[in-house]
PDB file of N, CA and C in Angstrom:
ATOM      1  N   MET A   1      11.006  32.748   5.069  1.00  0.00           N
ATOM      2  CA  MET A   1      11.946  33.346   5.462  1.00  0.00           C
ATOM      3  C   MET A   1      12.716  32.329   6.649  1.00  0.00           C
ATOM      4  N   ALA A   2      14.043  32.292   6.952  1.00  0.00           N
ATOM      5  CA  ALA A   2      14.489  31.722   7.637  1.00  0.00           C
ATOM      6  C   ALA A   2      14.682  32.076   9.045  1.00  0.00           C
ATOM      7  N   GLU A   3      14.684  31.175  10.128  1.00  0.00           N
ATOM      8  CA  GLU A   3      15.210  31.819  11.267  1.00  0.00           C
ATOM      9  C   GLU A   3      15.941  30.739  11.609  1.00  0.00           C
ATOM     10  N   LYS A   4      17.004  31.733  12.914  1.00  0.00           N
ATOM     11  CA  LYS A   4      17.979  31.154  13.300  1.00  0.00           C
ATOM     12  C   LYS A   4      17.562  30.519  14.266  1.00  0.00           C
ATOM     13  N   VAL A   5      18.495  29.009  14.119  1.00  0.00           N
ATOM     14  CA  VAL A   5      18.435  28.523  15.519  1.00  0.00           C
ATOM     15  C   VAL A   5      19.290  28.103  16.448  1.00  0.00           C
ATOM     16  N   ALA A   6      20.851  28.455  15.942  1.00  0.00           N
ATOM     17  CA  ALA A   6      21.644  28.258  16.939  1.00  0.00           C
ATOM     18  C   ALA A   6      22.641  28.906  16.040  1.00  0.00           C
ATOM     19  N   LYS A   7      23.510  29.826  17.584  1.00  0.00           N
ATOM     20  CA  LYS A   7      24.617  30.676  16.608  1.00  0.00           C
ATOM     21  C   LYS A   7      25.980  30.001  16.662  1.00  0.00           C
ATOM     22  N   THR A   8      26.778  29.768  15.933  1.00  0.00           N
ATOM     23  CA  THR A   8      27.992  29.063  15.725  1.00  0.00           C
ATOM     24  C   THR A   8      29.015  29.556  15.325  1.00  0.00           C
ATOM     25  N   GLY A   9      28.790  30.661  14.127  1.00  0.00           N
ATOM     26  CA  GLY A   9      29.660  31.512  13.728  1.00  0.00           C
ATOM     27  C   GLY A   9      30.959  30.688  12.831  1.00  0.00           C
ATOM     28  N   VAL A  10      30.499  29.865  12.153  1.00  0.00           N
ATOM     29  CA  VAL A  10      31.498  29.047  11.598  1.00  0.00           C
ATOM     30  C   VAL A  10      32.222  29.647  10.372  1.00  0.00           C
ATOM     31  N   LYS A  11      33.591  29.846  10.453  1.00  0.00           N
ATOM     32  CA  LYS A  11      33.899  30.213   9.210  1.00  0.00           C
ATOM     33  C   LYS A  11      34.534  29.198   8.225  1.00  0.00           C
ATOM     34  N   ARG A  12      33.949  29.292   6.964  1.00  0.00           N
ATOM     35  CA  ARG A  12      34.045  28.433   5.905  1.00  0.00           C
ATOM     36  C   ARG A  12      35.343  28.769   5.029  1.00  0.00           C
ATOM     37  N   GLN A  13      35.896  27.528   4.873  1.00  0.00           N
ATOM     38  CA  GLN A  13      37.169  27.186   4.137  1.00  0.00           C
ATOM     39  C   GLN A  13      37.064  26.584   2.907  1.00  0.00           C
ATOM     40  N   ASP A  14      37.618  27.328   1.852  1.00  0.00           N
ATOM     41  CA  ASP A  14      37.099  27.112   0.298  1.00  0.00           C
ATOM     42  C   ASP A  14      37.780  25.152   0.187  1.00  0.00           C
ATOM     43  N   GLY A  15      36.716  24.669  -0.566  1.00  0.00           N
ATOM     44  CA  GLY A  15      37.337  23.343  -0.787  1.00  0.00           C
ATOM     45  C   GLY A  15      36.463  22.153   0.312  1.00  0.00           C
ATOM     46  N   TYR A  16      35.523  22.770   0.859  1.00  0.00           N
ATOM     47  CA  TYR A  16      34.333  22.236   2.037  1.00  0.00           C
ATOM     48  C   TYR A  16      33.267  22.418   1.733  1.00  0.00           C
ATOM     49  N   LEU A  17      32.198  21.101   1.772  1.00  0.00           N
ATOM     50  CA  LEU A  17      30.808  21.049   1.835  1.00  0.00           C
ATOM     51  C   LEU A  17      30.661  21.080   3.473  1.00  0.00           C
ATOM     52  N   TYR A  18      29.661  22.268   4.021  1.00  0.00           N
ATOM     53  CA  TYR A  18      29.541  22.402   5.183  1.00  0.00           C
ATOM     54  C   TYR A  18      28.008  21.819   5.505  1.00  0.00           C
ATOM     55  N   PHE A  19      27.506  20.975   6.571  1.00  0.00           N
ATOM     56  CA  PHE A  19      26.320  20.467   6.667  1.00  0.00           C
ATOM     57  C   PHE A  19      26.081  20.437   8.015  1.00  0.00           C
ATOM     58  N   ILE A  20      24.538  20.004   8.231  1.00  0.00           N
ATOM     59  CA  ILE A  20      24.306  19.819   9.829  1.00  0.00           C
ATOM     60  C   ILE A  20      24.012  18.395   9.753  1.00  0.00           C
ATOM     61  N   ASP A  21      24.703  17.468  10.817  1.00  0.00           N
ATOM     62  CA  ASP A  21      24.656  16.103  10.521  1.00  0.00           C
ATOM     63  C   ASP A  21      23.816  15.435  11.495  1.00  0.00           C
ATOM     64  N   LYS A  22      23.429  14.138  11.321  1.00  0.00           N
ATOM     65  CA  LYS A  22      22.116  13.524  11.946  1.00  0.00           C
ATOM     66  C   LYS A  22      22.232  13.881  13.665  1.00  0.00           C
ATOM     67  N   ALA A  23      23.489  14.202  14.300  1.00  0.00           N
ATOM     68  CA  ALA A  23      23.637  14.429  15.907  1.00  0.00           C
ATOM     69  C   ALA A  23      23.002  16.204  15.828  1.00  0.00           C
ATOM     70  N   GLY A  24      22.737  16.726  15.310  1.00  0.00           N
ATOM     71  CA  GLY A  24      22.326  18.053  14.875  1.00  0.00           C
ATOM     72  C   GLY A  24      23.819  19.228  14.988  1.00  0.00           C
ATOM     73  N   ASP A  25      24.815  18.819  14.846  1.00  0.00           N
ATOM     74  CA  ASP A  25      26.285  19.529  14.931  1.00  0.00           C
ATOM     75  C   ASP A  25      26.369  19.837  13.396  1.00  0.00           C
ATOM     76  N   VAL A  26      27.647  20.767  13.273  1.00  0.00           N
ATOM     77  CA  VAL A  26      28.168  21.403  11.869  1.00  0.00           C
ATOM     78  C   VAL A  26      29.361  20.630  11.748  1.00  0.00           C
ATOM     79  N   SER A  27      29.429  19.697  10.370  1.00  0.00           N
ATOM     80  CA  SER A  27      30.073  18.697  10.111  1.00  0.00           C
ATOM     81  C   SER A  27      30.692  19.341   8.849  1.00  0.00           C
ATOM     82  N   ARG A  28      31.750  19.130   8.238  1.00  0.00           N
ATOM     83  CA  ARG A  28      32.361  19.385   7.100  1.00  0.00           C
ATOM     84  C   ARG A  28      33.068  18.264   6.401  1.00  0.00           C
ATOM     85  N   VAL A  29      32.931  18.250   4.998  1.00  0.00           N
ATOM     86  CA  VAL A  29      33.457  16.999   4.314  1.00  0.00           C
ATOM     87  C   VAL A  29      34.360  17.485   3.229  1.00  0.00           C
ATOM     88  N   LYS A  30      35.528  17.170   2.558  1.00  0.00           N
ATOM     89  CA  LYS A  30      35.908  17.740   1.331  1.00  0.00           C
ATOM     90  C   LYS A  30      35.283  17.253   0.382  1.00  0.00           C
ATOM     91  N   MET A  31      35.109  18.346  -0.633  1.00  0.00           N
ATOM     92  CA  MET A  31      34.469  18.153  -2.103  1.00  0.00           C
ATOM     93  C   MET A  31      35.144  17.398  -2.957  1.00  0.00           C
ATOM     94  N   ALA A  32      34.421  16.372  -3.492  1.00  0.00           N
ATOM     95  CA  ALA A  32      34.925  15.391  -4.513  1.00  0.00           C
ATOM     96  C   ALA A  32      35.141  16.482  -5.730  1.00  0.00           C
ATOM     97  N   ARG A  33      36.617  16.616  -6.489  1.00  0.00           N
ATOM     98  CA  ARG A  33      36.828  17.074  -7.546  1.00  0.00           C
ATOM     99  C   ARG A  33      38.018  16.558  -8.698  1.00  0.00           C
ATOM    100  N   GLY A  34      37.169  16.556  -9.885  1.00  0.00           N
ATOM    101  CA  GLY A  34      38.037  16.235 -11.006  1.00  0.00           C
ATOM    102  C   GLY A  34      38.512  14.652 -10.915  1.00  0.00           C
ATOM    103  N   GLY A  35      37.207  13.739 -10.704  1.00  0.00           N
ATOM    104  CA  GLY A  35      37.402  12.242 -10.477  1.00  0.00           C
ATOM    105  C   GLY A  35      38.014  11.736  -9.443  1.00  0.00           C
ATOM    106  N   LYS A  36      38.377  13.020  -8.359  1.00  0.00           N
ATOM    107  CA  LYS A  36      39.114  12.501  -6.843  1.00  0.00           C
ATOM    108  C   LYS A  36      38.002  12.231  -6.089  1.00  0.00           C
ATOM    109  N   LYS A  37      38.181  11.190  -4.914  1.00  0.00           N
ATOM    110  CA  LYS A  37      36.922  10.921  -4.071  1.00  0.00           C
ATOM    111  C   LYS A  37      37.217  12.370  -3.307  1.00  0.00           C
ATOM    112  N   GLY A  38      35.817  12.298  -2.395  1.00  0.00           N
ATOM    113  CA  GLY A  38      36.050  13.543  -1.389  1.00  0.00           C
ATOM    114  C   GLY A  38      36.530  12.819  -0.348  1.00  0.00           C
ATOM    115  N   GLY A  39      36.248  13.611   0.976  1.00  0.00           N
ATOM    116  CA  GLY A  39      36.821  12.942   2.335  1.00  0.00           C
ATOM    117  C   GLY A  39      36.086  12.413   3.186  1.00  0.00           C
ATOM    118  N   LYS A  40      36.297  12.068   4.513  1.00  0.00           N
ATOM    119  CA  LYS A  40      35.426  11.725   5.835  1.00  0.00           C
ATOM    120  C   LYS A  40      34.981  12.880   6.359  1.00  0.00           C
ATOM    121  N   ALA A  41      33.675  12.883   6.872  1.00  0.00           N
ATOM    122  CA  ALA A  41      33.114  13.992   7.713  1.00  0.00           C
ATOM    123  C   ALA A  41      34.003  14.177   8.868  1.00  0.00           C
ATOM    124  N   GLU A  42      33.884  15.491   9.356  1.00  0.00           N
ATOM    125  CA  GLU A  42      34.658  15.774  10.503  1.00  0.00           C
ATOM    126  C   GLU A  42      33.916  16.709  11.081  1.00  0.00           C
ATOM    127  N   LYS A  43      33.510  16.523  12.346  1.00  0.00           N
ATOM    128  CA  LYS A  43      32.776  17.721  13.115  1.00  0.00           C
ATOM    129  C   LYS A  43      33.488  19.096  13.159  1.00  0.00           C
ATOM    130  N   VAL A  44      32.911  20.196  13.142  1.00  0.00           N
ATOM    131  CA  VAL A  44      33.404  21.502  13.020  1.00  0.00           C
ATOM    132  C   VAL A  44      33.097  22.126  14.511  1.00  0.00           C
ATOM    133  N   THR A  45      31.628  22.539  14.491  1.00  0.00           N
ATOM    134  CA  THR A  45      31.586  22.762  15.920  1.00  0.00           C
ATOM    135  C   THR A  45      29.930  21.760  16.846  1.00  0.00           C
ATOM    136  N   LYS A  46      30.101  21.694  18.027  1.00  0.00           N
ATOM    137  CA  LYS A  46      28.671  20.896  18.046  1.00  0.00           C
ATOM    138  C   LYS A  46      27.803  22.130  18.529  1.00  0.00           C
ATOM    139  N   ALA A  47      26.366  22.133  17.659  1.00  0.00           N
ATOM    140  CA  ALA A  47      25.379  22.626  17.974  1.00  0.00           C
ATOM    141  C   ALA A  47      24.408  22.323  18.890  1.00  0.00           C
ATOM    142  N   GLY A  48      24.039  20.680  18.766  1.00  0.00           N
ATOM    143  CA  GLY A  48      22.988  20.085  19.290  1.00  0.00           C
ATOM    144  C   GLY A  48      21.770  20.228  18.867  1.00  0.00           C
ATOM    145  N   VAL A  49      21.365  20.664  17.620  1.00  0.00           N
ATOM    146  CA  VAL A  49      20.030  21.079  17.156  1.00  0.00           C
ATOM    147  C   VAL A  49      19.234  20.122  17.103  1.00  0.00           C
ATOM    148  N   LYS A  50      18.021  19.770  17.708  1.00  0.00           N
ATOM    149  CA  LYS A  50      16.962  19.130  17.654  1.00  0.00           C
ATOM    150  C   LYS A  50      16.083  19.591  16.564  1.00  0.00           C
ATOM    151  N   LYS A  51      16.246  18.585  15.394  1.00  0.00           N
ATOM    152  CA  LYS A  51      15.458  18.893  14.095  1.00  0.00           C
ATOM    153  C   LYS A  51      14.506  18.499  14.280  1.00  0.00           C
ATOM    154  N   GLU A  52      13.195  19.163  13.612  1.00  0.00           N
ATOM    155  CA  GLU A  52      11.782  19.143  13.546  1.00  0.00           C
ATOM    156  C   GLU A  52      11.272  18.783  12.150  1.00  0.00           C
ATOM    157  N   THR A  53      10.628  17.836  11.414  1.00  0.00           N
ATOM    158  CA  THR A  53      10.281  17.694  10.155  1.00  0.00           C
ATOM    159  C   THR A  53       9.422  18.664   9.838  1.00  0.00           C
ATOM    160  N   GLY A  54       9.487  18.801   8.277  1.00  0.00           N
ATOM    161  CA  GLY A  54       8.529  20.003   7.425  1.00  0.00           C
ATOM    162  C   GLY A  54       9.507  21.035   7.784  1.00  0.00           C
ATOM    163  N   TYR A  55      11.146  21.201   7.954  1.00  0.00           N
ATOM    164  CA  TYR A  55      11.934  22.446   8.310  1.00  0.00           C
ATOM    165  C   TYR A  55      13.142  21.622   7.242  1.00  0.00           C
ATOM    166  N   LEU A  56      13.676  22.653   6.386  1.00  0.00           N
ATOM    167  CA  LEU A  56      15.253  22.325   5.696  1.00  0.00           C
ATOM    168  C   LEU A  56      16.257  23.235   6.858  1.00  0.00           C
ATOM    169  N   TYR A  57      17.135  22.357   7.190  1.00  0.00           N
ATOM    170  CA  TYR A  57      18.071  23.265   8.243  1.00  0.00           C
ATOM    171  C   TYR A  57      19.778  23.554   7.626  1.00  0.00           C
ATOM    172  N   PHE A  58      20.038  24.530   7.362  1.00  0.00           N
ATOM    173  CA  PHE A  58      21.428  24.749   6.708  1.00  0.00           C
ATOM    174  C   PHE A  58      22.281  25.896   7.644  1.00  0.00           C
ATOM    175  N   ILE A  59      23.436  26.167   7.209  1.00  0.00           N
ATOM    176  CA  ILE A  59      24.529  26.886   7.824  1.00  0.00           C
ATOM    177  C   ILE A  59      24.567  28.211   6.839  1.00  0.00           C
ATOM    178  N   ASP A  60      23.698  29.479   7.433  1.00  0.00           N
ATOM    179  CA  ASP A  60      23.929  30.448   6.451  1.00  0.00           C
ATOM    180  C   ASP A  60      24.774  31.405   6.307  1.00  0.00           C
ATOM    181  N   LYS A  61      25.276  32.282   5.884  1.00  0.00           N
ATOM    182  CA  LYS A  61      26.502  33.275   5.543  1.00  0.00           C
ATOM    183  C   LYS A  61      26.791  33.735   6.550  1.00  0.00           C
ATOM    184  N   ALA A  62      26.497  34.071   7.787  1.00  0.00           N
ATOM    185  CA  ALA A  62      27.425  34.378   9.043  1.00  0.00           C
ATOM    186  C   ALA A  62      27.981  33.058   9.846  1.00  0.00           C
ATOM    187  N   GLY A  63      27.388  31.898   9.354  1.00  0.00           N
ATOM    188  CA  GLY A  63      27.821  30.749   9.876  1.00  0.00           C
ATOM    189  C   GLY A  63      27.053  30.355  11.156  1.00  0.00           C
ATOM    190  N   ASP A  64      25.719  30.500  11.075  1.00  0.00           N
ATOM    191  CA  ASP A  64      25.069  29.837  11.824  1.00  0.00           C
ATOM    192  C   ASP A  64      24.239  29.024  11.387  1.00  0.00           C
ATOM    193  N   VAL A  65      23.457  27.990  12.107  1.00  0.00           N
ATOM    194  CA  VAL A  65      22.413  27.268  12.135  1.00  0.00           C
ATOM    195  C   VAL A  65      21.020  27.903  11.783  1.00  0.00           C
ATOM    196  N   SER A  66      20.323  27.719  10.630  1.00  0.00           N
ATOM    197  CA  SER A  66      19.242  28.427  10.388  1.00  0.00           C
ATOM    198  C   SER A  66      18.155  27.531   9.896  1.00  0.00           C
ATOM    199  N   ARG A  67      16.959  27.569   9.835  1.00  0.00           N
ATOM    200  CA  ARG A  67      16.176  26.441   8.947  1.00  0.00           C
ATOM    201  C   ARG A  67      14.721  27.576   8.346  1.00  0.00           C
ATOM    202  N   ALA A  68      14.278  26.903   7.399  1.00  0.00           N
ATOM    203  CA  ALA A  68      13.535  27.119   6.615  1.00  0.00           C
ATOM    204  C   ALA A  68      12.465  25.998   6.413  1.00  0.00           C
ATOM    205  N   LYS A  69      10.964  26.829   6.391  1.00  0.00           N
ATOM    206  CA  LYS A  69      10.330  25.682   6.446  1.00  0.00           C
ATOM    207  C   LYS A  69       9.670  25.170   4.983  1.00  0.00           C
ATOM    208  N   MET A  70       9.760  23.828   4.636  1.00  0.00           N
ATOM    209  CA  MET A  70       9.501  23.240   3.362  1.00  0.00           C
ATOM    210  C   MET A  70       8.252  23.470   3.119  1.00  0.00           C
ATOM    211  N   VAL A  71       7.874  23.741   1.833  1.00  0.00           N
ATOM    212  CA  VAL A  71       6.303  23.745   1.026  1.00  0.00           C
ATOM    213  C   VAL A  71       6.257  22.525   0.933  1.00  0.00           C
ATOM    214  N   ARG A  72       6.834  21.612   0.752  1.00  0.00           N
ATOM    215  CA  ARG A  72       6.683  19.874   0.652  1.00  0.00           C
ATOM    216  C   ARG A  72       6.901  19.220   1.672  1.00  0.00           C
ATOM    217  N   ARG A  73       6.236  18.647   2.330  1.00  0.00           N
ATOM    218  CA  ARG A  73       6.900  17.981   3.611  1.00  0.00           C
ATOM    219  C   ARG A  73       7.954  16.759   3.232  1.00  0.00           C
ATOM    220  N   GLY A  74       8.426  16.302   4.544  1.00  0.00           N
ATOM    221  CA  GLY A  74       9.525  15.699   4.582  1.00  0.00           C
ATOM    222  C   GLY A  74       8.717  14.425   4.248  1.00  0.00           C
ATOM    223  N   LYS A  75       9.986  13.283   4.768  1.00  0.00           N
ATOM    224  CA  LYS A  75       9.417  11.509   4.897  1.00  0.00           C
ATOM    225  C   LYS A  75       8.351  11.563   6.280  1.00  0.00           C
ATOM    226  N   GLY A  76       8.567  12.641   7.003  1.00  0.00           N
ATOM    227  CA  GLY A  76       8.252  12.264   8.507  1.00  0.00           C
ATOM    228  C   GLY A  76       6.899  12.286   8.772  1.00  0.00           C
ATOM    229  N   GLY A  77       5.992  12.718   7.776  1.00  0.00           N
ATOM    230  CA  GLY A  77       4.578  12.649   7.959  1.00  0.00           C
ATOM    231  C   GLY A  77       4.128  11.081   7.358  1.00  0.00           C
ATOM    232  N   LYS A  78       3.530  11.137   6.301  1.00  0.00           N
ATOM    233  CA  LYS A  78       2.865  10.029   5.744  1.00  0.00           C
ATOM    234  C   LYS A  78       4.001   9.134   5.493  1.00  0.00           C
ATOM    235  N   ALA A  79       3.623   7.749   5.194  1.00  0.00           N
ATOM    236  CA  ALA A  79       4.172   6.857   4.262  1.00  0.00           C
ATOM    237  C   ALA A  79       4.356   7.113   3.253  1.00  0.00           C
ATOM    238  N   ALA A  80       5.326   6.895   2.118  1.00  0.00           N
ATOM    239  CA  ALA A  80       5.270   6.939   0.519  1.00  0.00           C
ATOM    240  C   ALA A  80       4.207   6.353  -0.152  1.00  0.00           C
ATOM    241  N   LYS A  81       3.631   7.108  -0.869  1.00  0.00           N
ATOM    242  CA  LYS A  81       2.499   6.064  -1.882  1.00  0.00           C
ATOM    243  C   LYS A  81       3.469   4.665  -2.423  1.00  0.00           C
ATOM    244  N   PRO A  82       2.588   3.692  -2.467  1.00  0.00           N
ATOM    245  CA  PRO A  82       3.501   2.447  -3.475  1.00  0.00           C
ATOM    246  C   PRO A  82       3.315   2.948  -4.894  1.00  0.00           C
ATOM    247  N   LYS A  83       4.575   2.460  -5.635  1.00  0.00           N
ATOM    248  CA  LYS A  83       4.210   2.901  -6.533  1.00  0.00           C
ATOM    249  C   LYS A  83       3.184   1.512  -7.545  1.00  0.00           C
ATOM    250  N   ALA A  84       2.677   2.063  -8.860  1.00  0.00           N
ATOM    251  CA  ALA A  84       1.755   1.127  -9.238  1.00  0.00           C
ATOM    252  C   ALA A  84       2.838   0.072 -10.129  1.00  0.00           C
ATOM    253  N   LYS A  85       2.461  -1.167 -10.210  1.00  0.00           N
ATOM    254  CA  LYS A  85       3.126  -2.172 -11.115  1.00  0.00           C
ATOM    255  C   LYS A  85       2.913  -1.956 -12.427  1.00  0.00           C
ATOM    256  N   LYS A  86       4.267  -2.236 -13.259  1.00  0.00           N
ATOM    257  CA  LYS A  86       3.637  -2.386 -14.699  1.00  0.00           C
ATOM    258  C   LYS A  86       3.077  -3.818 -15.264  1.00  0.00           C
ATOM    259  N   LYS A  87       2.314  -3.338 -16.062  1.00  0.00           N
ATOM    260  CA  LYS A  87       1.805  -5.104 -16.520  1.00  0.00           C
ATOM    261  C   LYS A  87       2.742  -5.669 -17.279  1.00  0.00           C
ATOM    262  N   LYS A  88       3.069  -6.847 -17.743  1.00  0.00           N
ATOM    263  CA  LYS A  88       3.917  -7.227 -18.739  1.00  0.00           C
ATOM    264  C   LYS A  88       2.918  -8.054 -19.632  1.00  0.00           C
ATOM    265  N   LYS A  89       3.446  -7.746 -20.882  1.00  0.00           N
ATOM    266  CA  LYS A  89       2.710  -8.301 -21.930  1.00  0.00           C
ATOM    267  C   LYS A  89       2.763  -9.537 -22.469  1.00  0.00           C
TER     268      LYS A  89
END
């Protein structure tokens, strides 16, 4: 189950992708459609969310910032296993 982290009440507009940026604020970017490129990200509201590893942060239906615990851990914990190299014949 998800838990609310910050109440922002963002009203969504069609044609935009809303996300939590690296600073923990709500941003949006114009979606790429029909071969046209998307736009540059713009901040919608300042939420100032401090992200913890192991959680997925998203904007819920009410327009608030929520988080859900990930089943698989993200990059935060261990380093990735090195891939085995293929032998040449």
